[in-house]
Amino acid sequence: MTITMYGITTCDTIRKARTWLEGHDVPYRFHDYRAEGIDAGKLDGWIGKVGWEKLLNKGSTTFRELPDKDKAGLDEKKAKKLMLAKPTMIKRPVLEVGDRILVGFKADVYEAEVGK
């Protein structure tokens, strides 16, 4: 099973998730949004599985610093445009486990979904 983690290296939650995966000898590939960006097709797939509301991190510094007009009237199309323009607005980590998507990090969920 191929596992890919999406996020940014400076995120504390990413560090916790990576530590958990490495501590449980779970092989994974890391995709850094800042270095590699995010593809519109990939984001569409995630939105189709978990919804844009779960993916858009309204608590992120990047989102909070947006002008009010950019935050007003959020819908899927607008949220997708924001996340593609500034992928740091995507909740972290996003973990692709085969054809499943996990958003955020909770040790018990990782244990159930990818633990050995």
PDB file of N, CA and C in Angstrom:
ATOM      1  N   MET A   1       0.848  -1.180   0.000  1.00  0.00           N
ATOM      2  CA  MET A   1       0.000   0.000   0.000  1.00  0.00           C
ATOM      3  C   MET A   1       0.888   1.236   0.000  1.00  0.00           C
ATOM      4  N   THR A   2       0.605   2.146  -0.904  1.00  0.00           N
ATOM      5  CA  THR A   2       1.357   3.384  -1.010  1.00  0.00           C
ATOM      6  C   THR A   2       0.715   4.455  -0.131  1.00  0.00           C
ATOM      7  N   ILE A   3       1.545   5.124   0.657  1.00  0.00           N
ATOM      8  CA  ILE A   3       1.069   6.197   1.526  1.00  0.00           C
ATOM      9  C   ILE A   3       1.828   7.467   1.169  1.00  0.00           C
ATOM     10  N   THR A   4       1.080   8.542   0.965  1.00  0.00           N
ATOM     11  CA  THR A   4       1.683   9.843   0.711  1.00  0.00           C
ATOM     12  C   THR A   4       1.106  10.837   1.706  1.00  0.00           C
ATOM     13  N   MET A   5       2.002  11.585   2.342  1.00  0.00           N
ATOM     14  CA  MET A   5       1.606  12.639   3.268  1.00  0.00           C
ATOM     15  C   MET A   5       1.820  13.983   2.578  1.00  0.00           C
ATOM     16  N   TYR A   6       0.795  14.825   2.641  1.00  0.00           N
ATOM     17  CA  TYR A   6       0.847  16.161   2.062  1.00  0.00           C
ATOM     18  C   TYR A   6       0.838  17.184   3.182  1.00  0.00           C
ATOM     19  N   GLY A   7       1.702  18.190   3.068  1.00  0.00           N
ATOM     20  CA  GLY A   7       1.746  19.236   4.073  1.00  0.00           C
ATOM     21  C   GLY A   7       2.933  20.151   3.849  1.00  0.00           C
ATOM     22  N   ILE A   8       3.369  20.794   4.931  1.00  0.00           N
ATOM     23  CA  ILE A   8       4.553  21.651   4.892  1.00  0.00           C
ATOM     24  C   ILE A   8       5.467  21.235   6.045  1.00  0.00           C
ATOM     25  N   THR A   9       6.749  21.330   5.804  1.00  0.00           N
ATOM     26  CA  THR A   9       7.714  20.815   6.780  1.00  0.00           C
ATOM     27  C   THR A   9       7.718  21.560   8.103  1.00  0.00           C
ATOM     28  N   THR A  10       7.297  22.814   8.117  1.00  0.00           N
ATOM     29  CA  THR A  10       7.360  23.614   9.345  1.00  0.00           C
ATOM     30  C   THR A  10       6.147  23.435  10.251  1.00  0.00           C
ATOM     31  N   CYS A  11       5.184  22.630   9.853  1.00  0.00           N
ATOM     32  CA  CYS A  11       3.948  22.446  10.619  1.00  0.00           C
ATOM     33  C   CYS A  11       4.167  21.469  11.780  1.00  0.00           C
ATOM     34  N   ASP A  12       3.770  21.873  12.987  1.00  0.00           N
ATOM     35  CA  ASP A  12       3.911  21.007  14.162  1.00  0.00           C
ATOM     36  C   ASP A  12       3.104  19.719  14.028  1.00  0.00           C
ATOM     37  N   THR A  13       1.915  19.801  13.452  1.00  0.00           N
ATOM     38  CA  THR A  13       1.089  18.599  13.295  1.00  0.00           C
ATOM     39  C   THR A  13       1.730  17.640  12.301  1.00  0.00           C
ATOM     40  N   ILE A  14       2.350  18.177  11.272  1.00  0.00           N
ATOM     41  CA  ILE A  14       3.089  17.334  10.309  1.00  0.00           C
ATOM     42  C   ILE A  14       4.219  16.615  11.040  1.00  0.00           C
ATOM     43  N   ARG A  15       4.931  17.336  11.886  1.00  0.00           N
ATOM     44  CA  ARG A  15       6.037  16.720  12.628  1.00  0.00           C
ATOM     45  C   ARG A  15       5.536  15.565  13.498  1.00  0.00           C
ATOM     46  N   LYS A  16       4.396  15.763  14.167  1.00  0.00           N
ATOM     47  CA  LYS A  16       3.823  14.704  15.008  1.00  0.00           C
ATOM     48  C   LYS A  16       3.426  13.499  14.166  1.00  0.00           C
ATOM     49  N   ALA A  17       2.780  13.752  13.039  1.00  0.00           N
ATOM     50  CA  ALA A  17       2.342  12.658  12.170  1.00  0.00           C
ATOM     51  C   ALA A  17       3.536  11.906  11.598  1.00  0.00           C
ATOM     52  N   ARG A  18       4.556  12.625  11.171  1.00  0.00           N
ATOM     53  CA  ARG A  18       5.757  11.971  10.635  1.00  0.00           C
ATOM     54  C   ARG A  18       6.450  11.138  11.713  1.00  0.00           C
ATOM     55  N   THR A  19       6.533  11.682  12.920  1.00  0.00           N
ATOM     56  CA  THR A  19       7.133  10.944  14.031  1.00  0.00           C
ATOM     57  C   THR A  19       6.348   9.668  14.297  1.00  0.00           C
ATOM     58  N   TRP A  20       5.021   9.760  14.260  1.00  0.00           N
ATOM     59  CA  TRP A  20       4.185   8.580  14.487  1.00  0.00           C
ATOM     60  C   TRP A  20       4.438   7.535  13.406  1.00  0.00           C
ATOM     61  N   LEU A  21       4.398   7.942  12.146  1.00  0.00           N
ATOM     62  CA  LEU A  21       4.612   6.996  11.041  1.00  0.00           C
ATOM     63  C   LEU A  21       5.992   6.346  11.137  1.00  0.00           C
ATOM     64  N   GLU A  22       7.013   7.141  11.370  1.00  0.00           N
ATOM     65  CA  GLU A  22       8.367   6.614  11.452  1.00  0.00           C
ATOM     66  C   GLU A  22       8.537   5.706  12.668  1.00  0.00           C
ATOM     67  N   GLY A  23       7.904   6.078  13.782  1.00  0.00           N
ATOM     68  CA  GLY A  23       7.972   5.252  14.991  1.00  0.00           C
ATOM     69  C   GLY A  23       7.258   3.918  14.852  1.00  0.00           C
ATOM     70  N   HIS A  24       6.332   3.833  13.906  1.00  0.00           N
ATOM     71  CA  HIS A  24       5.596   2.592  13.654  1.00  0.00           C
ATOM     72  C   HIS A  24       6.076   1.905  12.375  1.00  0.00           C
ATOM     73  N   ASP A  25       7.238   2.330  11.877  1.00  0.00           N
ATOM     74  CA  ASP A  25       7.848   1.748  10.672  1.00  0.00           C
ATOM     75  C   ASP A  25       6.891   1.699   9.489  1.00  0.00           C
ATOM     76  N   VAL A  26       6.125   2.779   9.312  1.00  0.00           N
ATOM     77  CA  VAL A  26       5.197   2.878   8.184  1.00  0.00           C
ATOM     78  C   VAL A  26       5.887   3.704   7.094  1.00  0.00           C
ATOM     79  N   PRO A  27       6.195   3.081   5.950  1.00  0.00           N
ATOM     80  CA  PRO A  27       6.837   3.834   4.878  1.00  0.00           C
ATOM     81  C   PRO A  27       5.848   4.800   4.212  1.00  0.00           C
ATOM     82  N   TYR A  28       6.332   5.979   3.871  1.00  0.00           N
ATOM     83  CA  TYR A  28       5.488   6.981   3.234  1.00  0.00           C
ATOM     84  C   TYR A  28       6.356   7.919   2.420  1.00  0.00           C
ATOM     85  N   ARG A  29       5.714   8.635   1.520  1.00  0.00           N
ATOM     86  CA  ARG A  29       6.372   9.684   0.755  1.00  0.00           C
ATOM     87  C   ARG A  29       5.803  11.017   1.241  1.00  0.00           C
ATOM     88  N   PHE A  30       6.648  12.024   1.382  1.00  0.00           N
ATOM     89  CA  PHE A  30       6.196  13.340   1.821  1.00  0.00           C
ATOM     90  C   PHE A  30       6.144  14.289   0.633  1.00  0.00           C
ATOM     91  N   HIS A  31       5.022  14.967   0.494  1.00  0.00           N
ATOM     92  CA  HIS A  31       4.827  15.964  -0.563  1.00  0.00           C
ATOM     93  C   HIS A  31       4.678  17.315   0.114  1.00  0.00           C
ATOM     94  N   ASP A  32       5.645  18.197  -0.110  1.00  0.00           N
ATOM     95  CA  ASP A  32       5.641  19.526   0.502  1.00  0.00           C
ATOM     96  C   ASP A  32       4.911  20.501  -0.422  1.00  0.00           C
ATOM     97  N   TYR A  33       3.783  21.043   0.065  1.00  0.00           N
ATOM     98  CA  TYR A  33       3.000  21.999  -0.725  1.00  0.00           C
ATOM     99  C   TYR A  33       3.834  23.200  -1.164  1.00  0.00           C
ATOM    100  N   ARG A  34       4.700  23.662  -0.280  1.00  0.00           N
ATOM    101  CA  ARG A  34       5.471  24.864  -0.610  1.00  0.00           C
ATOM    102  C   ARG A  34       6.432  24.596  -1.753  1.00  0.00           C
ATOM    103  N   ALA A  35       7.045  23.444  -1.764  1.00  0.00           N
ATOM    104  CA  ALA A  35       8.024  23.118  -2.802  1.00  0.00           C
ATOM    105  C   ALA A  35       7.379  22.568  -4.070  1.00  0.00           C
ATOM    106  N   GLU A  36       6.312  21.771  -3.918  1.00  0.00           N
ATOM    107  CA  GLU A  36       5.745  21.054  -5.051  1.00  0.00           C
ATOM    108  C   GLU A  36       4.355  21.537  -5.472  1.00  0.00           C
ATOM    109  N   GLY A  37       3.726  22.393  -4.656  1.00  0.00           N
ATOM    110  CA  GLY A  37       2.376  22.855  -4.974  1.00  0.00           C
ATOM    111  C   GLY A  37       1.358  21.729  -4.849  1.00  0.00           C
ATOM    112  N   ILE A  38       0.166  21.985  -5.368  1.00  0.00           N
ATOM    113  CA  ILE A  38      -0.895  20.967  -5.367  1.00  0.00           C
ATOM    114  C   ILE A  38      -1.606  21.056  -6.710  1.00  0.00           C
ATOM    115  N   ASP A  39      -1.900  19.932  -7.254  1.00  0.00           N
ATOM    116  CA  ASP A  39      -2.536  19.812  -8.564  1.00  0.00           C
ATOM    117  C   ASP A  39      -4.058  19.929  -8.421  1.00  0.00           C
ATOM    118  N   ALA A  40      -4.707  20.623  -9.349  1.00  0.00           N
ATOM    119  CA  ALA A  40      -6.162  20.830  -9.295  1.00  0.00           C
ATOM    120  C   ALA A  40      -6.908  19.496  -9.312  1.00  0.00           C
ATOM    121  N   GLY A  41      -6.439  18.538 -10.088  1.00  0.00           N
ATOM    122  CA  GLY A  41      -7.093  17.234 -10.145  1.00  0.00           C
ATOM    123  C   GLY A  41      -7.014  16.493  -8.818  1.00  0.00           C
ATOM    124  N   LYS A  42      -5.878  16.593  -8.164  1.00  0.00           N
ATOM    125  CA  LYS A  42      -5.688  15.971  -6.848  1.00  0.00           C
ATOM    126  C   LYS A  42      -6.647  16.601  -5.845  1.00  0.00           C
ATOM    127  N   LEU A  43      -6.714  17.927  -5.833  1.00  0.00           N
ATOM    128  CA  LEU A  43      -7.601  18.630  -4.910  1.00  0.00           C
ATOM    129  C   LEU A  43      -9.060  18.269  -5.185  1.00  0.00           C
ATOM    130  N   ASP A  44      -9.436  18.187  -6.450  1.00  0.00           N
ATOM    131  CA  ASP A  44     -10.802  17.763  -6.811  1.00  0.00           C
ATOM    132  C   ASP A  44     -11.114  16.378  -6.238  1.00  0.00           C
ATOM    133  N   GLY A  45     -10.160  15.469  -6.342  1.00  0.00           N
ATOM    134  CA  GLY A  45     -10.353  14.116  -5.807  1.00  0.00           C
ATOM    135  C   GLY A  45     -10.567  14.129  -4.311  1.00  0.00           C
ATOM    136  N   TRP A  46      -9.774  14.922  -3.599  1.00  0.00           N
ATOM    137  CA  TRP A  46      -9.932  15.016  -2.147  1.00  0.00           C
ATOM    138  C   TRP A  46     -11.272  15.619  -1.786  1.00  0.00           C
ATOM    139  N   ILE A  47     -11.649  16.685  -2.493  1.00  0.00           N
ATOM    140  CA  ILE A  47     -12.929  17.339  -2.220  1.00  0.00           C
ATOM    141  C   ILE A  47     -14.067  16.350  -2.442  1.00  0.00           C
ATOM    142  N   GLY A  48     -13.955  15.543  -3.472  1.00  0.00           N
ATOM    143  CA  GLY A  48     -14.974  14.535  -3.738  1.00  0.00           C
ATOM    144  C   GLY A  48     -15.092  13.494  -2.645  1.00  0.00           C
ATOM    145  N   LYS A  49     -13.994  13.221  -1.945  1.00  0.00           N
ATOM    146  CA  LYS A  49     -13.996  12.194  -0.889  1.00  0.00           C
ATOM    147  C   LYS A  49     -14.359  12.742   0.481  1.00  0.00           C
ATOM    148  N   VAL A  50     -13.844  13.935   0.824  1.00  0.00           N
ATOM    149  CA  VAL A  50     -14.056  14.433   2.194  1.00  0.00           C
ATOM    150  C   VAL A  50     -14.758  15.784   2.263  1.00  0.00           C
ATOM    151  N   GLY A  51     -14.931  16.459   1.131  1.00  0.00           N
ATOM    152  CA  GLY A  51     -15.593  17.761   1.121  1.00  0.00           C
ATOM    153  C   GLY A  51     -14.618  18.905   1.325  1.00  0.00           C
ATOM    154  N   TRP A  52     -14.908  20.036   0.687  1.00  0.00           N
ATOM    155  CA  TRP A  52     -14.009  21.187   0.795  1.00  0.00           C
ATOM    156  C   TRP A  52     -13.987  21.770   2.201  1.00  0.00           C
ATOM    157  N   GLU A  53     -15.106  21.630   2.923  1.00  0.00           N
ATOM    158  CA  GLU A  53     -15.185  22.197   4.264  1.00  0.00           C
ATOM    159  C   GLU A  53     -14.173  21.547   5.210  1.00  0.00           C
ATOM    160  N   LYS A  54     -13.923  20.262   5.023  1.00  0.00           N
ATOM    161  CA  LYS A  54     -12.962  19.558   5.875  1.00  0.00           C
ATOM    162  C   LYS A  54     -11.527  19.903   5.482  1.00  0.00           C
ATOM    163  N   LEU A  55     -11.307  20.213   4.223  1.00  0.00           N
ATOM    164  CA  LEU A  55      -9.961  20.501   3.732  1.00  0.00           C
ATOM    165  C   LEU A  55      -9.498  21.930   3.983  1.00  0.00           C
ATOM    166  N   LEU A  56     -10.411  22.876   3.918  1.00  0.00           N
ATOM    167  CA  LEU A  56     -10.024  24.280   4.081  1.00  0.00           C
ATOM    168  C   LEU A  56      -9.800  24.595   5.557  1.00  0.00           C
ATOM    169  N   ASN A  57      -8.591  25.003   5.873  1.00  0.00           N
ATOM    170  CA  ASN A  57      -8.223  25.306   7.249  1.00  0.00           C
ATOM    171  C   ASN A  57      -8.470  26.791   7.524  1.00  0.00           C
ATOM    172  N   LYS A  58      -9.666  27.075   8.034  1.00  0.00           N
ATOM    173  CA  LYS A  58     -10.029  28.470   8.312  1.00  0.00           C
ATOM    174  C   LYS A  58      -9.247  29.043   9.493  1.00  0.00           C
ATOM    175  N   GLY A  59      -8.594  28.194  10.248  1.00  0.00           N
ATOM    176  CA  GLY A  59      -7.794  28.656  11.374  1.00  0.00           C
ATOM    177  C   GLY A  59      -6.349  28.960  10.999  1.00  0.00           C
ATOM    178  N   SER A  60      -5.982  28.683   9.755  1.00  0.00           N
ATOM    179  CA  SER A  60      -4.592  28.916   9.350  1.00  0.00           C
ATOM    180  C   SER A  60      -4.284  30.408   9.276  1.00  0.00           C
ATOM    181  N   THR A  61      -3.049  30.737   9.504  1.00  0.00           N
ATOM    182  CA  THR A  61      -2.605  32.127   9.403  1.00  0.00           C
ATOM    183  C   THR A  61      -2.882  32.659   8.004  1.00  0.00           C
ATOM    184  N   THR A  62      -2.617  31.835   6.994  1.00  0.00           N
ATOM    185  CA  THR A  62      -2.822  32.261   5.608  1.00  0.00           C
ATOM    186  C   THR A  62      -4.276  32.648   5.374  1.00  0.00           C
ATOM    187  N   PHE A  63      -5.221  31.835   5.861  1.00  0.00           N
ATOM    188  CA  PHE A  63      -6.637  32.142   5.678  1.00  0.00           C
ATOM    189  C   PHE A  63      -7.039  33.376   6.475  1.00  0.00           C
ATOM    190  N   ARG A  64      -6.601  33.443   7.717  1.00  0.00           N
ATOM    191  CA  ARG A  64      -6.980  34.577   8.570  1.00  0.00           C
ATOM    192  C   ARG A  64      -6.480  35.903   8.016  1.00  0.00           C
ATOM    193  N   GLU A  65      -5.359  35.885   7.300  1.00  0.00           N
ATOM    194  CA  GLU A  65      -4.791  37.118   6.750  1.00  0.00           C
ATOM    195  C   GLU A  65      -5.423  37.543   5.431  1.00  0.00           C
ATOM    196  N   LEU A  66      -6.321  36.731   4.891  1.00  0.00           N
ATOM    197  CA  LEU A  66      -7.007  37.101   3.651  1.00  0.00           C
ATOM    198  C   LEU A  66      -7.913  38.304   3.876  1.00  0.00           C
ATOM    199  N   PRO A  67      -8.104  39.120   2.849  1.00  0.00           N
ATOM    200  CA  PRO A  67      -9.089  40.212   2.962  1.00  0.00           C
ATOM    201  C   PRO A  67     -10.483  39.611   3.179  1.00  0.00           C
ATOM    202  N   ASP A  68     -11.322  40.327   3.896  1.00  0.00           N
ATOM    203  CA  ASP A  68     -12.676  39.844   4.187  1.00  0.00           C
ATOM    204  C   ASP A  68     -13.447  39.471   2.929  1.00  0.00           C
ATOM    205  N   LYS A  69     -13.237  40.204   1.842  1.00  0.00           N
ATOM    206  CA  LYS A  69     -13.959  39.912   0.601  1.00  0.00           C
ATOM    207  C   LYS A  69     -13.613  38.520   0.071  1.00  0.00           C
ATOM    208  N   ASP A  70     -12.388  38.054   0.310  1.00  0.00           N
ATOM    209  CA  ASP A  70     -11.989  36.715  -0.140  1.00  0.00           C
ATOM    210  C   ASP A  70     -12.594  35.615   0.736  1.00  0.00           C
ATOM    211  N   LYS A  71     -12.886  35.956   1.989  1.00  0.00           N
ATOM    212  CA  LYS A  71     -13.465  34.976   2.913  1.00  0.00           C
ATOM    213  C   LYS A  71     -14.988  34.926   2.822  1.00  0.00           C
ATOM    214  N   ALA A  72     -15.595  35.975   2.307  1.00  0.00           N
ATOM    215  CA  ALA A  72     -17.057  36.063   2.252  1.00  0.00           C
ATOM    216  C   ALA A  72     -17.613  35.145   1.165  1.00  0.00           C
ATOM    217  N   GLY A  73     -18.774  34.568   1.446  1.00  0.00           N
ATOM    218  CA  GLY A  73     -19.478  33.763   0.451  1.00  0.00           C
ATOM    219  C   GLY A  73     -18.733  32.530   0.001  1.00  0.00           C
ATOM    220  N   LEU A  74     -18.060  31.886   0.934  1.00  0.00           N
ATOM    221  CA  LEU A  74     -17.289  30.700   0.562  1.00  0.00           C
ATOM    222  C   LEU A  74     -18.197  29.585   0.063  1.00  0.00           C
ATOM    223  N   ASP A  75     -17.790  29.009  -1.054  1.00  0.00           N
ATOM    224  CA  ASP A  75     -18.431  27.814  -1.578  1.00  0.00           C
ATOM    225  C   ASP A  75     -17.307  26.930  -2.118  1.00  0.00           C
ATOM    226  N   GLU A  76     -17.642  25.797  -2.687  1.00  0.00           N
ATOM    227  CA  GLU A  76     -16.610  24.867  -3.147  1.00  0.00           C
ATOM    228  C   GLU A  76     -15.683  25.505  -4.181  1.00  0.00           C
ATOM    229  N   LYS A  77     -16.258  26.202  -5.147  1.00  0.00           N
ATOM    230  CA  LYS A  77     -15.454  26.805  -6.217  1.00  0.00           C
ATOM    231  C   LYS A  77     -14.464  27.830  -5.656  1.00  0.00           C
ATOM    232  N   LYS A  78     -14.946  28.693  -4.769  1.00  0.00           N
ATOM    233  CA  LYS A  78     -14.099  29.736  -4.191  1.00  0.00           C
ATOM    234  C   LYS A  78     -13.036  29.120  -3.277  1.00  0.00           C
ATOM    235  N   ALA A  79     -13.436  28.131  -2.473  1.00  0.00           N
ATOM    236  CA  ALA A  79     -12.490  27.470  -1.565  1.00  0.00           C
ATOM    237  C   ALA A  79     -11.395  26.763  -2.358  1.00  0.00           C
ATOM    238  N   LYS A  80     -11.782  26.094  -3.427  1.00  0.00           N
ATOM    239  CA  LYS A  80     -10.796  25.398  -4.262  1.00  0.00           C
ATOM    240  C   LYS A  80      -9.804  26.394  -4.849  1.00  0.00           C
ATOM    241  N   LYS A  81     -10.307  27.511  -5.352  1.00  0.00           N
ATOM    242  CA  LYS A  81      -9.429  28.539  -5.929  1.00  0.00           C
ATOM    243  C   LYS A  81      -8.436  29.049  -4.880  1.00  0.00           C
ATOM    244  N   LEU A  82      -8.919  29.285  -3.655  1.00  0.00           N
ATOM    245  CA  LEU A  82      -8.041  29.745  -2.571  1.00  0.00           C
ATOM    246  C   LEU A  82      -6.974  28.701  -2.243  1.00  0.00           C
ATOM    247  N   MET A  83      -7.393  27.427  -2.119  1.00  0.00           N
ATOM    248  CA  MET A  83      -6.443  26.364  -1.751  1.00  0.00           C
ATOM    249  C   MET A  83      -5.406  26.128  -2.841  1.00  0.00           C
ATOM    250  N   LEU A  84      -5.804  26.264  -4.116  1.00  0.00           N
ATOM    251  CA  LEU A  84      -4.838  26.113  -5.204  1.00  0.00           C
ATOM    252  C   LEU A  84      -3.845  27.271  -5.224  1.00  0.00           C
ATOM    253  N   ALA A  85      -4.326  28.461  -4.940  1.00  0.00           N
ATOM    254  CA  ALA A  85      -3.458  29.640  -4.928  1.00  0.00           C
ATOM    255  C   ALA A  85      -2.501  29.623  -3.740  1.00  0.00           C
ATOM    256  N   LYS A  86      -2.999  29.155  -2.592  1.00  0.00           N
ATOM    257  CA  LYS A  86      -2.197  29.130  -1.367  1.00  0.00           C
ATOM    258  C   LYS A  86      -2.443  27.797  -0.655  1.00  0.00           C
ATOM    259  N   PRO A  87      -1.708  26.751  -1.055  1.00  0.00           N
ATOM    260  CA  PRO A  87      -1.941  25.419  -0.482  1.00  0.00           C
ATOM    261  C   PRO A  87      -1.744  25.326   1.029  1.00  0.00           C
ATOM    262  N   THR A  88      -1.110  26.321   1.635  1.00  0.00           N
ATOM    263  CA  THR A  88      -0.952  26.290   3.089  1.00  0.00           C
ATOM    264  C   THR A  88      -2.294  26.458   3.798  1.00  0.00           C
ATOM    265  N   MET A  89      -3.355  26.761   3.039  1.00  0.00           N
ATOM    266  CA  MET A  89      -4.706  26.826   3.611  1.00  0.00           C
ATOM    267  C   MET A  89      -5.356  25.453   3.718  1.00  0.00           C
ATOM    268  N   ILE A  90      -4.699  24.428   3.185  1.00  0.00           N
ATOM    269  CA  ILE A  90      -5.247  23.073   3.272  1.00  0.00           C
ATOM    270  C   ILE A  90      -4.872  22.504   4.638  1.00  0.00           C
ATOM    271  N   LYS A  91      -5.842  21.918   5.321  1.00  0.00           N
ATOM    272  CA  LYS A  91      -5.564  21.306   6.626  1.00  0.00           C
ATOM    273  C   LYS A  91      -4.450  20.297   6.475  1.00  0.00           C
ATOM    274  N   ARG A  92      -3.696  20.147   7.555  1.00  0.00           N
ATOM    275  CA  ARG A  92      -2.538  19.263   7.502  1.00  0.00           C
ATOM    276  C   ARG A  92      -2.553  18.273   8.652  1.00  0.00           C
ATOM    277  N   PRO A  93      -1.983  17.127   8.383  1.00  0.00           N
ATOM    278  CA  PRO A  93      -1.618  16.600   7.073  1.00  0.00           C
ATOM    279  C   PRO A  93      -2.823  16.032   6.335  1.00  0.00           C
ATOM    280  N   VAL A  94      -2.656  15.867   5.044  1.00  0.00           N
ATOM    281  CA  VAL A  94      -3.568  15.038   4.261  1.00  0.00           C
ATOM    282  C   VAL A  94      -2.768  13.779   3.962  1.00  0.00           C
ATOM    283  N   LEU A  95      -3.316  12.648   4.357  1.00  0.00           N
ATOM    284  CA  LEU A  95      -2.634  11.376   4.168  1.00  0.00           C
ATOM    285  C   LEU A  95      -3.442  10.540   3.184  1.00  0.00           C
ATOM    286  N   GLU A  96      -2.816  10.203   2.072  1.00  0.00           N
ATOM    287  CA  GLU A  96      -3.435   9.294   1.111  1.00  0.00           C
ATOM    288  C   GLU A  96      -2.966   7.888   1.464  1.00  0.00           C
ATOM    289  N   VAL A  97      -3.922   7.057   1.789  1.00  0.00           N
ATOM    290  CA  VAL A  97      -3.643   5.662   2.142  1.00  0.00           C
ATOM    291  C   VAL A  97      -4.384   4.815   1.120  1.00  0.00           C
ATOM    292  N   GLY A  98      -3.659   4.422   0.067  1.00  0.00           N
ATOM    293  CA  GLY A  98      -4.335   3.751  -1.033  1.00  0.00           C
ATOM    294  C   GLY A  98      -5.338   4.714  -1.644  1.00  0.00           C
ATOM    295  N   ASP A  99      -6.620   4.350  -1.643  1.00  0.00           N
ATOM    296  CA  ASP A  99      -7.653   5.226  -2.199  1.00  0.00           C
ATOM    297  C   ASP A  99      -8.412   5.996  -1.120  1.00  0.00           C
ATOM    298  N   ARG A 100      -7.954   5.904   0.121  1.00  0.00           N
ATOM    299  CA  ARG A 100      -8.596   6.620   1.233  1.00  0.00           C
ATOM    300  C   ARG A 100      -7.819   7.890   1.570  1.00  0.00           C
ATOM    301  N   ILE A 101      -8.524   8.840   2.183  1.00  0.00           N
ATOM    302  CA  ILE A 101      -7.928  10.116   2.576  1.00  0.00           C
ATOM    303  C   ILE A 101      -8.158  10.333   4.069  1.00  0.00           C
ATOM    304  N   LEU A 102      -7.088  10.652   4.788  1.00  0.00           N
ATOM    305  CA  LEU A 102      -7.185  11.049   6.197  1.00  0.00           C
ATOM    306  C   LEU A 102      -6.756  12.508   6.288  1.00  0.00           C
ATOM    307  N   VAL A 103      -7.548  13.325   6.966  1.00  0.00           N
ATOM    308  CA  VAL A 103      -7.232  14.747   7.103  1.00  0.00           C
ATOM    309  C   VAL A 103      -6.981  15.035   8.577  1.00  0.00           C
ATOM    310  N   GLY A 104      -5.830  15.625   8.865  1.00  0.00           N
ATOM    311  CA  GLY A 104      -5.448  15.891  10.243  1.00  0.00           C
ATOM    312  C   GLY A 104      -4.695  14.707  10.820  1.00  0.00           C
ATOM    313  N   PHE A 105      -4.254  14.851  12.063  1.00  0.00           N
ATOM    314  CA  PHE A 105      -3.537  13.757  12.714  1.00  0.00           C
ATOM    315  C   PHE A 105      -4.160  13.436  14.059  1.00  0.00           C
ATOM    316  N   LYS A 106      -4.546  12.193  14.203  1.00  0.00           N
ATOM    317  CA  LYS A 106      -4.957  11.627  15.487  1.00  0.00           C
ATOM    318  C   LYS A 106      -4.338  10.240  15.541  1.00  0.00           C
ATOM    319  N   ALA A 107      -3.553   9.989  16.578  1.00  0.00           N
ATOM    320  CA  ALA A 107      -2.820   8.730  16.680  1.00  0.00           C
ATOM    321  C   ALA A 107      -3.737   7.514  16.589  1.00  0.00           C
ATOM    322  N   ASP A 108      -4.912   7.562  17.237  1.00  0.00           N
ATOM    323  CA  ASP A 108      -5.806   6.402  17.207  1.00  0.00           C
ATOM    324  C   ASP A 108      -6.345   6.134  15.804  1.00  0.00           C
ATOM    325  N   VAL A 109      -6.579   7.195  15.034  1.00  0.00           N
ATOM    326  CA  VAL A 109      -7.046   7.012  13.650  1.00  0.00           C
ATOM    327  C   VAL A 109      -5.918   6.437  12.800  1.00  0.00           C
ATOM    328  N   TYR A 110      -4.711   6.943  12.968  1.00  0.00           N
ATOM    329  CA  TYR A 110      -3.574   6.406  12.222  1.00  0.00           C
ATOM    330  C   TYR A 110      -3.365   4.941  12.579  1.00  0.00           C
ATOM    331  N   GLU A 111      -3.485   4.616  13.859  1.00  0.00           N
ATOM    332  CA  GLU A 111      -3.326   3.224  14.299  1.00  0.00           C
ATOM    333  C   GLU A 111      -4.334   2.314  13.603  1.00  0.00           C
ATOM    334  N   ALA A 112      -5.585   2.741  13.548  1.00  0.00           N
ATOM    335  CA  ALA A 112      -6.639   1.941  12.928  1.00  0.00           C
ATOM    336  C   ALA A 112      -6.475   1.853  11.409  1.00  0.00           C
ATOM    337  N   GLU A 113      -5.999   2.915  10.786  1.00  0.00           N
ATOM    338  CA  GLU A 113      -5.955   2.962   9.320  1.00  0.00           C
ATOM    339  C   GLU A 113      -4.635   2.485   8.711  1.00  0.00           C
ATOM    340  N   VAL A 114      -3.520   2.719   9.421  1.00  0.00           N
ATOM    341  CA  VAL A 114      -2.222   2.367   8.826  1.00  0.00           C
ATOM    342  C   VAL A 114      -1.311   1.599   9.770  1.00  0.00           C
ATOM    343  N   GLY A 115      -1.706   1.409  11.017  1.00  0.00           N
ATOM    344  CA  GLY A 115      -0.860   0.739  11.999  1.00  0.00           C
ATOM    345  C   GLY A 115      -0.535  -0.682  11.595  1.00  0.00           C
ATOM    346  N   LYS A 116       0.571  -1.161  12.106  1.00  0.00           N
ATOM    347  CA  LYS A 116       1.001  -2.532  11.788  1.00  0.00           C
ATOM    348  C   LYS A 116       0.747  -3.444  12.964  1.00  0.00           C
TER     349      LYS A 116
END
